[in-house]
Protein backbone atom coordinates (compact mmCIF):
# COMPACT_ATOMS: atom_id res chain seq x y z
CA MET A 1 55.72 93.53 69.91
CA SER A 2 59.07 92.55 69.63
CA ARG A 3 60.69 95.99 69.17
CA LEU A 4 59.22 97.05 72.46
CA ALA A 5 60.60 94.10 74.60
CA GLN A 6 63.59 94.56 72.84
CA PHE A 7 63.53 98.35 73.98
CA LEU A 8 62.61 97.06 77.99
CA ASN A 9 65.22 94.49 77.65
CA MET A 10 68.16 97.17 76.46
CA ASP A 11 66.83 98.84 79.26
CA MET A 12 66.88 96.33 81.74
CA PRO A 13 70.17 96.36 84.21
CA ARG A 14 71.76 93.21 83.52
CA ARG A 15 72.23 91.05 86.64
CA PRO A 16 76.32 91.04 87.79
CA THR A 17 78.08 87.43 87.33
CA VAL A 18 81.27 86.21 88.55
CA LYS A 19 82.54 86.78 85.52
CA ARG A 20 81.93 90.26 84.94
CA ILE A 21 82.95 91.30 88.25
CA PHE A 22 86.05 89.31 87.27
CA ASN A 23 86.73 91.06 84.31
CA LYS A 24 85.83 94.81 85.89
CA TRP A 25 88.32 94.29 88.22
CA TRP A 26 91.05 92.87 85.98
CA ARG A 27 90.65 96.31 83.82
CA LEU A 28 90.96 98.05 86.25
CA PHE A 29 93.91 96.43 87.92
CA LEU A 30 95.32 96.95 84.24
CA ARG A 31 94.47 100.16 84.21
CA TYR A 32 96.65 101.27 87.49
CA ALA A 33 98.95 98.34 87.47
CA HIS A 34 101.98 100.49 85.86
CA ASN A 35 100.90 102.76 89.07
CA THR A 36 101.40 100.03 91.53
CA VAL A 37 104.20 98.02 90.30
CA ILE A 38 107.04 100.43 91.83
CA PRO A 39 104.61 100.48 95.41
CA LEU A 40 104.50 96.49 95.35
CA ALA A 41 108.04 96.01 94.60
CA VAL A 42 108.80 98.19 97.46
CA LEU A 43 106.34 96.44 99.74
CA LEU A 44 107.96 92.96 98.61
CA ILE A 45 111.38 93.85 99.28
CA VAL A 46 110.65 95.50 102.72
CA GLY A 47 108.43 92.81 103.95
CA ALA A 48 110.76 90.13 102.58
CA THR A 49 113.69 91.61 104.10
CA LEU A 50 111.87 92.15 107.54
CA SER A 51 110.63 88.29 107.28
CA TRP A 52 114.54 87.57 106.64
CA VAL A 53 116.13 89.12 109.58
CA ALA A 54 112.91 88.08 112.06
CA TYR A 55 113.54 84.31 110.49
CA ASP A 56 117.19 84.57 111.66
CA GLU A 57 116.95 86.04 114.67
CA TYR A 58 114.58 83.20 115.53
CA LEU A 59 117.12 80.96 114.25
CA GLN A 60 120.14 82.76 116.10
CA THR A 61 117.87 82.75 118.95
CA GLU A 62 117.15 78.94 118.90
CA GLU A 63 121.05 78.34 118.16
CA PHE A 64 121.89 80.67 121.41
CA GLU A 65 119.60 78.30 123.75
CA PHE A 66 120.17 75.12 122.92
CA ARG A 67 123.87 75.70 123.02
CA LEU A 68 123.20 77.17 126.39
CA LEU A 69 121.26 74.22 127.46
CA GLU A 70 124.05 72.04 126.11
CA ALA A 71 126.91 73.67 128.03
CA HIS A 72 124.49 73.56 131.18
CA ALA A 73 124.24 69.44 130.20
CA ARG A 74 128.06 69.32 129.67
CA ASN A 75 128.32 70.66 133.44
CA ALA A 76 125.58 68.07 134.19
CA ASP A 77 126.96 64.99 132.51
CA ALA A 78 129.81 65.90 134.51
CA ARG A 79 128.99 66.21 138.01
CA VAL A 80 126.72 63.13 137.53
CA ALA A 81 129.19 61.28 135.94
CA GLU A 82 131.57 62.14 138.69
CA ALA A 83 129.24 61.13 141.50
CA THR A 84 128.39 57.56 140.02
CA ASP A 85 131.68 56.67 139.49
CA LYS A 86 132.46 57.46 142.69
CA ILE A 87 129.30 55.35 144.01
CA GLY A 88 129.95 53.11 140.92
CA HIS A 89 133.61 52.31 142.61
CA LEU A 90 132.51 51.49 145.79
CA LEU A 91 129.97 49.02 144.45
CA ASN A 92 132.61 47.85 142.80
CA LEU A 93 135.21 47.24 145.95
CA LEU A 94 132.43 45.57 147.81
CA ALA A 95 131.50 43.42 144.91
CA ALA A 96 135.03 42.33 144.46
CA ALA A 97 134.93 41.94 148.07
CA ARG A 98 131.82 39.61 147.85
CA LEU A 99 133.58 37.38 145.25
CA HIS A 100 136.86 37.05 146.88
CA SER A 101 135.93 36.41 150.58
CA GLY A 102 132.87 35.73 150.40
CA PRO A 103 130.19 37.07 152.77
CA LEU A 104 130.90 40.61 154.25
CA ARG A 105 131.03 41.03 157.78
CA ASP A 106 128.93 44.08 159.13
CA ASN A 107 132.26 45.27 160.91
CA ALA A 108 133.33 45.49 157.13
CA PHE A 109 129.82 47.55 155.74
CA THR A 110 130.50 49.70 158.22
CA ALA A 111 134.13 50.38 157.85
CA THR A 112 133.43 51.00 153.91
CA LEU A 113 130.94 53.06 154.28
CA ASP A 114 132.17 55.07 156.44
CA ARG A 115 135.72 55.63 154.71
CA HIS A 116 133.23 56.71 150.95
CA ARG A 117 130.89 59.04 153.19
CA GLN A 118 133.57 61.63 153.53
CA ASP A 119 133.00 62.44 149.55
CA ILE A 120 129.78 61.47 149.56
CA PRO A 121 128.11 62.68 152.43
CA GLU A 122 124.44 61.99 151.91
CA LEU A 123 125.41 57.89 151.42
CA GLY A 124 122.89 56.02 153.63
CA THR A 125 122.73 52.36 153.57
CA LEU A 126 124.73 49.55 152.24
CA LEU A 127 123.75 46.45 151.12
CA LEU A 128 123.92 42.85 150.06
CA THR A 129 121.78 40.47 148.45
CA ASP A 130 121.93 36.50 147.84
CA THR A 131 120.82 35.05 144.39
CA ALA A 132 117.30 35.21 145.52
CA GLY A 133 116.59 38.74 146.40
CA ARG A 134 117.59 37.95 149.88
CA ILE A 135 119.41 40.73 151.88
CA HIS A 136 121.92 39.08 153.74
CA SER A 137 124.20 41.60 154.57
CA ALA A 138 123.60 45.38 155.18
CA THR A 139 124.94 48.45 157.56
CA ASP A 140 121.52 48.89 158.73
CA ALA A 141 120.44 45.53 160.66
CA THR A 142 116.78 45.77 160.27
CA LEU A 143 117.47 45.08 156.43
CA ILE A 144 119.14 41.80 156.73
CA GLY A 145 116.44 39.31 155.52
CA ARG A 146 114.23 41.42 153.81
CA ASP A 147 113.12 40.38 150.80
CA VAL A 148 113.66 42.37 147.42
CA SER A 149 113.54 40.20 144.82
CA GLN A 150 110.17 42.48 143.42
CA GLU A 151 112.14 45.77 143.72
CA PRO A 152 113.16 47.40 140.29
CA TYR A 153 116.96 47.75 141.57
CA PHE A 154 117.11 43.85 141.85
CA ALA A 155 114.94 42.70 139.03
CA ALA A 156 116.69 45.38 136.47
CA HIS A 157 119.71 43.07 136.89
CA LEU A 158 118.39 39.72 135.98
CA GLY A 159 119.51 38.63 132.74
CA HIS A 160 122.39 40.91 132.28
CA GLU A 161 124.90 38.76 133.76
CA LEU A 162 127.13 39.63 131.16
CA ALA A 163 127.32 42.91 130.81
CA PRO A 164 126.43 44.12 134.69
CA LYS A 165 125.95 47.71 134.87
CA LEU A 166 125.26 50.47 137.28
CA PHE A 167 121.46 50.96 137.67
CA MET A 168 119.71 53.62 139.66
CA SER A 169 116.39 53.31 140.89
CA ARG A 170 113.50 55.70 141.06
CA PRO A 171 113.38 57.40 144.69
CA ASP A 172 111.64 55.58 147.57
CA ILE A 173 110.71 55.93 151.45
CA ARG A 174 109.71 52.23 151.34
CA LEU A 175 113.33 50.64 152.06
CA LEU A 176 114.64 53.16 154.77
CA GLY A 177 111.54 55.33 155.42
CA THR A 178 112.82 58.41 153.85
CA THR A 179 113.52 59.49 150.53
CA ALA A 180 116.16 58.02 149.11
CA VAL A 181 117.97 56.58 144.91
CA ILE A 182 119.76 53.21 145.56
CA PHE A 183 122.20 52.85 143.01
CA THR A 184 122.84 48.68 142.53
CA LEU A 185 125.03 46.78 140.75
CA PRO A 186 125.09 43.07 140.23
CA VAL A 187 127.99 40.65 141.58
CA VAL A 188 129.15 37.91 138.61
CA ASP A 189 132.02 35.71 139.06
CA ALA A 190 134.17 34.67 136.77
CA ASP A 191 131.76 32.00 135.17
CA HIS A 192 129.59 34.47 134.69
CA ARG A 193 127.35 33.36 137.53
CA PHE A 194 124.93 35.94 139.24
CA LEU A 195 125.40 35.80 142.47
CA GLY A 196 123.14 38.71 144.07
CA VAL A 197 123.63 42.39 144.04
CA VAL A 198 125.32 45.15 145.68
CA GLY A 199 123.76 48.57 146.86
CA VAL A 200 124.18 51.98 148.16
CA SER A 201 121.00 54.00 149.00
CA ILE A 202 121.51 57.71 148.96
CA ARG A 203 119.68 60.47 150.05
CA PHE A 204 117.56 62.42 148.04
CA ASN A 205 119.37 65.62 148.48
CA PHE A 206 121.82 64.62 146.79
CA LEU A 207 120.82 64.96 143.42
CA GLN A 208 119.51 68.28 144.35
CA GLY A 209 122.73 69.49 145.29
CA VAL A 210 124.18 67.85 141.69
CA LEU A 211 121.38 69.54 139.67
CA GLN A 212 120.81 72.38 141.24
CA VAL A 213 123.76 74.47 139.52
CA ILE A 214 123.67 73.68 136.28
CA ASN A 215 120.17 75.44 135.36
CA PRO A 216 119.80 79.17 135.22
CA ASP A 217 117.74 79.69 138.30
CA ASP A 218 114.09 81.30 136.58
CA SER A 219 110.42 79.20 136.01
CA ALA A 220 110.78 78.61 132.53
CA SER A 221 113.48 76.33 133.07
CA MET A 222 113.35 72.48 133.81
CA SER A 223 116.36 69.67 134.32
CA VAL A 224 115.37 65.86 134.72
CA ILE A 225 117.18 62.72 135.46
CA VAL A 226 116.15 59.60 133.64
CA ASN A 227 116.91 56.17 134.17
CA ARG A 228 117.70 53.06 132.34
CA ASP A 229 114.43 51.82 132.67
CA GLY A 230 112.63 55.39 131.74
CA ASP A 231 111.53 55.91 135.49
CA LEU A 232 111.91 59.67 136.22
CA VAL A 233 114.83 59.81 139.25
CA TYR A 234 114.68 63.58 140.08
CA ARG A 235 113.55 66.65 138.31
CA ARG A 236 114.15 70.14 139.41
CA GLY A 237 111.49 72.11 140.93
CA GLU A 238 108.78 69.81 143.13
CA PRO A 239 110.72 66.82 142.66
CA GLU A 240 108.76 64.68 145.14
CA LYS A 241 105.34 65.31 142.85
CA PHE A 242 106.88 63.61 140.24
CA PHE A 243 107.80 60.52 142.02
CA GLY A 244 106.63 57.41 140.31
CA ILE A 245 106.39 58.27 137.12
CA ASN A 246 107.55 56.87 133.87
CA ILE A 247 109.15 59.15 130.97
CA VAL A 248 108.73 57.15 128.54
CA LYS A 249 105.35 56.45 128.76
CA VAL A 250 104.38 60.36 128.66
CA SER A 251 107.07 62.19 127.06
CA THR A 252 107.18 62.28 123.15
CA VAL A 253 110.48 63.87 123.90
CA PHE A 254 112.20 61.02 125.08
CA ARG A 255 110.72 58.74 123.01
CA GLU A 256 112.08 60.34 120.02
CA HIS A 257 115.13 60.43 121.78
CA SER A 258 115.38 56.63 122.38
CA ARG A 259 114.88 56.02 118.75
CA LEU A 260 117.57 58.14 117.11
CA HIS A 261 120.24 56.46 118.93
CA GLN A 262 122.25 59.19 119.48
CA PRO A 263 124.14 60.74 122.79
CA VAL A 264 122.08 63.96 122.24
CA THR A 265 119.28 65.53 120.44
CA ARG A 266 117.59 68.39 120.39
CA HIS A 267 113.81 68.80 120.01
CA ILE A 268 110.87 71.47 120.16
CA GLY A 269 107.41 70.28 121.31
CA PRO A 270 105.01 70.19 124.25
CA SER A 271 105.68 69.49 127.51
CA ALA A 272 104.13 66.44 129.44
CA GLN A 273 103.72 68.26 132.26
CA ASP A 274 101.78 71.11 131.26
CA GLY A 275 101.33 71.48 127.61
CA LYS A 276 103.36 74.26 127.18
CA THR A 277 105.97 74.27 123.98
CA ARG A 278 109.34 73.93 124.84
CA LEU A 279 112.89 73.21 123.87
CA PHE A 280 114.63 70.19 124.95
CA LEU A 281 117.69 68.91 125.39
CA VAL A 282 118.53 65.13 126.09
CA ARG A 283 121.88 63.67 126.72
CA ASP A 284 123.16 60.85 128.21
CA VAL A 285 125.56 60.36 130.92
CA GLY A 286 128.24 58.09 129.46
CA ALA A 287 127.95 54.61 129.99
CA SER A 288 125.77 55.21 133.41
CA GLY A 289 122.27 54.53 132.34
CA LEU A 290 121.30 58.08 133.32
CA SER A 291 120.02 60.07 130.69
CA LEU A 292 119.67 64.04 131.13
CA ILE A 293 116.87 66.32 129.92
CA LEU A 294 116.81 69.78 130.16
CA SER A 295 113.91 72.33 128.80
CA ARG A 296 113.23 75.97 128.71
CA GLN A 297 109.70 77.59 127.72
CA LEU A 298 109.50 78.65 124.41
CA ASP A 299 107.75 82.11 125.25
CA GLU A 300 110.63 82.44 127.62
CA VAL A 301 113.48 81.92 125.05
CA LEU A 302 111.65 84.09 122.63
CA ALA A 303 110.52 86.82 124.47
CA LYS A 304 112.81 89.37 123.45
CA TRP A 305 112.43 88.03 119.52
CA GLN A 306 108.82 88.49 119.94
CA ARG A 307 109.07 91.79 120.51
CA ASN A 308 111.65 92.04 117.81
CA ALA A 309 108.76 90.68 115.36
CA VAL A 310 106.31 93.15 116.83
CA ILE A 311 108.63 96.19 116.13
CA TYR A 312 109.05 94.28 112.59
CA ALA A 313 105.81 94.45 111.76
CA LEU A 314 105.02 97.66 113.03
CA ILE A 315 107.74 99.19 110.79
CA PHE A 316 106.46 96.92 107.85
CA LEU A 317 102.82 98.61 108.59
CA PHE A 318 104.02 101.68 108.51
CA THR A 319 105.93 101.14 105.64
CA VAL A 320 102.66 99.92 103.89
CA VAL A 321 101.03 103.21 104.57
CA VAL A 322 103.86 105.34 103.75
CA VAL A 323 103.84 103.53 100.07
CA VAL A 324 100.59 103.51 99.99
CA PHE A 325 100.19 107.35 100.61
CA LEU A 326 102.89 108.18 97.94
CA ALA A 327 101.27 105.85 95.92
CA ILE A 328 97.55 107.44 96.16
CA SER A 329 99.25 111.09 96.32
CA ALA A 330 101.29 109.93 92.93
CA ALA A 331 97.77 108.76 91.90
CA ARG A 332 95.91 111.66 92.68
CA ARG A 333 99.61 114.01 90.77
CA LYS A 334 98.95 111.72 87.86
CA GLN A 335 95.33 112.60 87.66
CA LEU A 336 95.30 115.73 88.26
CA GLU A 337 98.39 115.91 85.73
CA ALA A 338 96.10 114.05 83.29
CA ASP A 339 93.31 116.91 84.46
CA VAL A 340 95.40 119.70 83.57
CA ILE A 341 96.52 118.11 80.02
CA ASN A 342 93.37 117.54 78.86
CA SER A 343 91.88 121.05 79.73
CA HIS A 344 95.19 122.58 77.92
CA LYS A 345 93.83 119.93 75.32
CA ARG A 346 90.80 121.52 75.34
CA LEU A 347 91.43 124.97 75.11
CA ARG A 348 93.94 124.23 72.34
CA GLU A 349 90.84 122.73 70.37
CA ILE A 350 88.43 125.82 71.37
CA GLU A 351 91.61 128.31 70.68
CA GLN A 352 91.74 126.17 67.19
CA ARG A 353 88.40 126.00 66.11
CA GLN A 354 88.45 130.26 67.10
CA ILE A 355 91.61 131.03 65.40
CA LEU A 356 89.66 129.08 62.15
CA SER A 357 87.18 130.80 62.61
CA GLN A 358 88.96 134.13 62.77
CA GLU A 359 91.12 133.32 59.81
CA ARG A 360 87.64 132.15 58.04
CA GLN A 361 86.31 136.19 58.69
CA ARG A 362 89.23 138.03 58.24
CA LEU A 363 89.29 135.69 54.26
CA MET A 364 86.24 136.47 53.60
CA GLN A 365 86.97 140.74 54.69
CA ASP A 366 89.39 140.38 52.67
CA MET A 367 88.23 138.87 49.89
CA HIS A 368 85.20 141.49 50.29
CA ASP A 369 87.34 144.39 50.44
CA GLY A 370 90.26 143.21 47.87
CA LEU A 371 88.79 140.55 45.27
CA GLY A 372 85.24 141.30 45.74
CA SER A 373 85.78 145.73 45.64
CA SER A 374 87.93 144.81 42.17
CA LEU A 375 85.40 142.58 40.84
CA ILE A 376 82.82 144.99 40.94
CA SER A 377 84.64 148.21 39.73
CA ALA A 378 85.79 145.71 36.97
CA LEU A 379 82.02 144.57 36.53
CA ARG A 380 80.72 148.36 36.35
CA VAL A 381 83.72 149.23 34.09
CA VAL A 382 82.93 146.81 31.72
CA GLU A 383 79.04 147.45 31.85
CA HIS A 384 79.83 151.16 30.62
CA GLY A 385 81.69 150.21 27.81
CA ARG A 386 84.75 152.28 29.49
CA MET A 387 87.67 149.57 29.07
CA ASP A 388 88.96 147.33 26.17
CA GLU A 389 89.97 143.43 26.37
CA THR A 390 93.43 144.69 27.51
CA GLU A 391 92.16 146.59 30.54
CA VAL A 392 89.59 144.15 31.62
CA ALA A 393 92.31 141.14 31.29
CA HIS A 394 94.89 143.24 33.16
CA MET A 395 92.59 144.16 35.94
CA LEU A 396 91.12 140.51 35.94
CA LYS A 397 94.82 139.15 36.66
CA GLY A 398 95.35 141.48 39.26
CA CYS A 399 92.40 139.86 40.88
CA ILE A 400 93.54 136.02 40.56
CA ASP A 401 97.17 137.58 42.13
CA ASP A 402 95.12 139.02 44.87
CA LEU A 403 92.89 135.72 45.59
CA LYS A 404 96.35 134.04 45.57
CA LEU A 405 98.08 136.24 47.61
CA ALA A 406 95.14 135.80 49.99
CA ILE A 407 95.12 131.84 49.61
CA ASP A 408 99.41 131.96 50.18
CA SER A 409 98.61 133.74 53.74
CA MET A 410 97.42 130.59 55.03
CA GLU A 411 99.86 128.61 54.61
CA PRO A 412 102.10 128.10 57.34
CA VAL A 413 105.75 129.91 57.24
CA ASP A 414 106.92 129.07 60.83
CA ALA A 415 108.06 132.78 61.41
CA HIS A 416 110.44 132.92 58.93
CA LEU A 417 110.21 136.38 56.48
CA LEU A 418 111.88 134.19 53.40
CA LEU A 419 109.85 131.38 52.97
CA LEU A 420 106.75 134.14 52.74
CA LEU A 421 109.01 136.12 50.85
CA ALA A 422 110.17 133.02 48.54
CA THR A 423 105.74 132.42 48.17
CA LEU A 424 105.39 136.22 46.61
CA ARG A 425 108.23 135.89 44.16
CA PHE A 426 106.70 132.29 43.45
CA ARG A 427 103.49 134.13 42.31
CA LEU A 428 104.17 137.04 40.79
CA GLY A 429 107.46 135.83 38.99
CA PRO A 430 105.91 134.96 35.46
CA ARG A 431 103.75 137.95 35.40
CA LEU A 432 106.74 140.46 36.02
CA GLU A 433 108.36 138.23 33.35
CA SER A 434 105.30 138.54 31.02
CA THR A 435 105.74 142.36 31.14
CA GLY A 436 109.86 142.01 30.43
CA ILE A 437 110.87 143.29 33.99
CA ALA A 438 114.20 141.58 35.51
CA LEU A 439 113.72 140.22 39.02
CA HIS A 440 117.44 140.63 41.28
CA TRP A 441 116.84 138.96 44.59
CA GLU A 442 119.00 139.03 47.15
CA VAL A 443 117.56 138.42 50.37
CA GLN A 444 119.43 137.07 53.08
CA ASN A 445 119.06 134.94 56.65
CA VAL A 446 117.49 137.29 59.11
CA PRO A 447 115.83 136.48 62.72
CA ASP A 448 112.36 134.87 62.90
CA LEU A 449 109.49 136.57 63.22
CA ASP A 450 107.78 134.94 66.49
CA TRP A 451 104.04 137.12 65.43
CA LEU A 452 104.04 135.87 61.95
CA GLU A 453 100.60 134.24 61.72
CA PRO A 454 98.48 134.47 59.00
CA LYS A 455 96.67 137.30 59.51
CA ASN A 456 100.04 139.53 59.97
CA ALA A 457 101.54 137.57 57.00
CA LEU A 458 98.89 138.54 54.57
CA HIS A 459 99.20 142.25 55.51
CA ILE A 460 103.34 141.82 54.47
CA LEU A 461 102.33 140.53 51.41
CA ARG A 462 99.72 143.07 50.67
CA ILE A 463 102.08 146.06 51.24
CA LEU A 464 104.34 144.27 49.24
CA GLN A 465 102.04 143.36 46.06
CA GLU A 466 101.18 146.99 46.29
CA ALA A 467 105.00 147.90 45.80
CA PHE A 468 105.06 145.48 42.95
CA ALA A 469 101.54 146.78 41.24
CA ASN A 470 102.75 150.32 41.62
CA ILE A 471 105.92 149.57 39.94
CA ILE A 472 104.34 147.67 37.15
CA LYS A 473 101.33 150.53 36.56
CA HIS A 474 103.46 153.70 36.84
CA THR A 475 107.39 153.57 36.41
CA GLN A 476 108.02 151.52 33.21
CA ALA A 477 111.44 149.99 35.20
CA THR A 478 112.90 147.44 33.10
CA GLU A 479 114.53 145.12 36.36
CA ILE A 480 113.10 145.54 40.13
CA ARG A 481 115.95 144.89 43.13
CA VAL A 482 114.26 143.17 46.35
CA ALA A 483 116.77 142.49 49.59
CA THR A 484 116.75 141.82 53.13
CA GLY A 485 119.03 142.87 56.14
CA VAL A 486 118.69 143.91 59.85
CA ASP A 487 119.07 147.20 61.64
CA GLY A 488 119.00 147.37 65.11
CA ALA A 489 115.52 145.99 66.53
CA TRP A 490 113.93 145.58 63.10
CA VAL A 491 113.91 143.43 59.71
CA VAL A 492 114.13 145.87 56.58
CA VAL A 493 112.61 144.31 53.20
CA THR A 494 113.70 147.06 50.73
CA VAL A 495 111.81 146.87 47.26
CA ARG A 496 114.14 148.99 44.34
CA ASP A 497 113.41 149.51 40.78
CA ASN A 498 115.24 151.95 37.82
CA GLY A 499 111.93 153.18 36.78
CA ALA A 500 111.23 156.83 36.76
CA GLY A 501 110.57 158.37 39.49
CA PHE A 502 107.22 160.65 41.34
CA SER A 503 107.03 163.00 44.14
CA ILE A 504 106.02 161.12 47.07
CA GLU A 505 104.82 164.16 48.74
CA LYS A 506 102.41 164.93 45.72
CA ALA A 507 101.26 161.46 45.69
CA LEU A 508 100.54 161.28 49.18
CA GLN A 509 98.47 164.68 49.17
CA ILE A 510 96.25 163.60 45.85
CA GLY A 511 95.08 160.23 48.24
CA GLY A 512 95.71 157.82 46.30
CA LYS A 513 94.26 154.61 47.72
CA GLY A 514 97.85 152.43 47.14
CA LEU A 515 100.13 153.93 49.44
CA ALA A 516 97.00 154.76 51.76
CA ASN A 517 96.74 151.15 52.14
CA GLN A 518 100.89 150.43 53.03
CA THR A 519 100.69 152.85 55.11
CA HIS A 520 98.00 151.55 57.16
CA ARG A 521 98.24 147.43 56.95
CA ALA A 522 102.21 148.54 57.88
CA HIS A 523 100.58 150.46 61.28
CA ALA A 524 98.95 147.13 62.02
CA ILE A 525 101.18 144.66 62.07
CA GLY A 526 103.87 147.66 63.99
CA ALA A 527 105.59 147.84 60.96
CA GLU A 528 107.17 150.84 59.20
CA VAL A 529 106.72 151.83 55.45
CA ALA A 530 109.02 154.65 53.37
CA TRP A 531 109.69 155.32 50.01
CA ALA A 532 112.49 157.15 48.63
CA SER A 533 112.77 158.42 44.21
CA ASP A 534 114.65 160.32 41.79
CA ALA A 535 114.89 160.12 38.32
CA SER A 536 116.92 156.72 39.03
CA GLY A 537 114.27 155.00 40.36
CA THR A 538 112.16 154.38 43.72
CA SER A 539 113.19 152.66 46.66
CA PHE A 540 110.48 151.38 48.97
CA THR A 541 111.50 150.48 52.21
CA LEU A 542 109.08 147.84 54.77
CA ARG A 543 110.72 147.73 58.54
CA LEU A 544 108.91 144.76 61.07
CA PRO A 545 109.86 144.37 63.98
CA ILE A 546 111.84 141.88 65.26
CA GLN A 547 109.57 141.38 68.43
CA ARG A 548 106.53 140.41 68.56
CA VAL A 549 103.51 143.07 68.65
CA ARG A 550 99.54 143.90 68.76
CA ALA A 551 98.29 145.00 65.72
CA VAL A 552 96.30 147.79 65.62
CA SER A 553 93.53 147.64 63.06
CA SER A 554 92.81 144.85 60.79
CA GLY A 555 89.80 146.75 58.43
CA PHE A 556 90.88 147.93 55.32
CA GLY A 557 89.27 148.44 51.99
CA GLY A 558 90.08 147.76 48.35
CA LEU A 559 93.29 147.56 46.50
């Protein structure tokens, strides 16, 4: 029962876990990591470069806009300071006259106003209050006796006797029945006693004329003047809509500017009006107590940069597509190459098995035709008692040599004929020495034979073995000379002895197997054999083609 349960448990699919899924993807990543390093590096370089370019352009765009706002702010500062200086000069003259001459006569007020209207056409009414905040002199008789002690332009000077400063009120219509801004200056004597306030009203279009020319004429820009108390004095674009707003209470930008205590500050943040993000530049106007706020809507400022950023993003996406396509193509190409290599490897393995099978069959055939037939012939002769021990030993030695040649033909010689001849010399040397035949080895380097495979090598060994066997059996020679050379497209192997010659024609007519086998084997490998014999000895020549040839026949009888 336990074996059945184990068998069933082995067949049941295991439930995937986070660890197994992670290990699976991690193995896949390691497998293809070498194919993704370069594409990832390219994407990182391109992405980092485009990001850096985009970020640098953003900083340059932001810096350029802030510099532009600073230029506008300097222009506005100069124009507002020029206007406030004129007004301050007028009020200082009135304050000095009040200190030296006492209460001013109405005609003196009117004359002073007429003189300064040539420089400031928007001037309205001059007024002078006492210490309690009651107007006792004015160019407009309807204002005399009015109590302005609760007005901001009077209350702003209470408690500031030691440092009299020009004050600009928010736009108001209560004083003159029309929208106007009131500039006031405290009157302080030599003992620093507060004697009242001198003031002048200026029509509201004065500020509009000052600021209209300092900003680009586009809907995304905004200009604001703020007084010392944080009251919004003027706003370019629908100015009446914002009368009475204290900007300190609603603007984090202005509060941040006040906290930093710097004459010029830069800010990026939401607008108190509509919540849209803007670039803000806040600048104090000299010692007037006024501040300028210039701003541009960030979306309008970055419109061109955003288009460039989209272009960079498209370039990066295009790069991603190209890199991914190239990476996939490279991976597919490598996979195809790997498949081709594996196919070639399998083909080589199949071919190797076929070659081994063919060599095994060839070796068995050669042993059957050569060694087998020799042993059978020797066995029959011995059984009939027609061979003595010496002849039996001689025949067995020939069988052993034949077996050794078949084995030697399996050794790799790498197309070197001289290695094959050296193997033959090693095998036949002791036998020649035992028969008293001297072997003179006069070989020289010859070209490689690319067709020299085991089957063809055995043919060459058998041909030369037959030549040596004929010399040992029939010529009574005392020396053998083996030489190699090159004759055109052929490699020539010559075996010469000094024994008794024989008639080549007669030997071929008799039909001996030795010469016939040599001829047939030479024909099988595309080679040629020739004999020359006289009273001084016999010369056997084997001519082997240097270029590869196809075997014509591979079946032979016994030697």
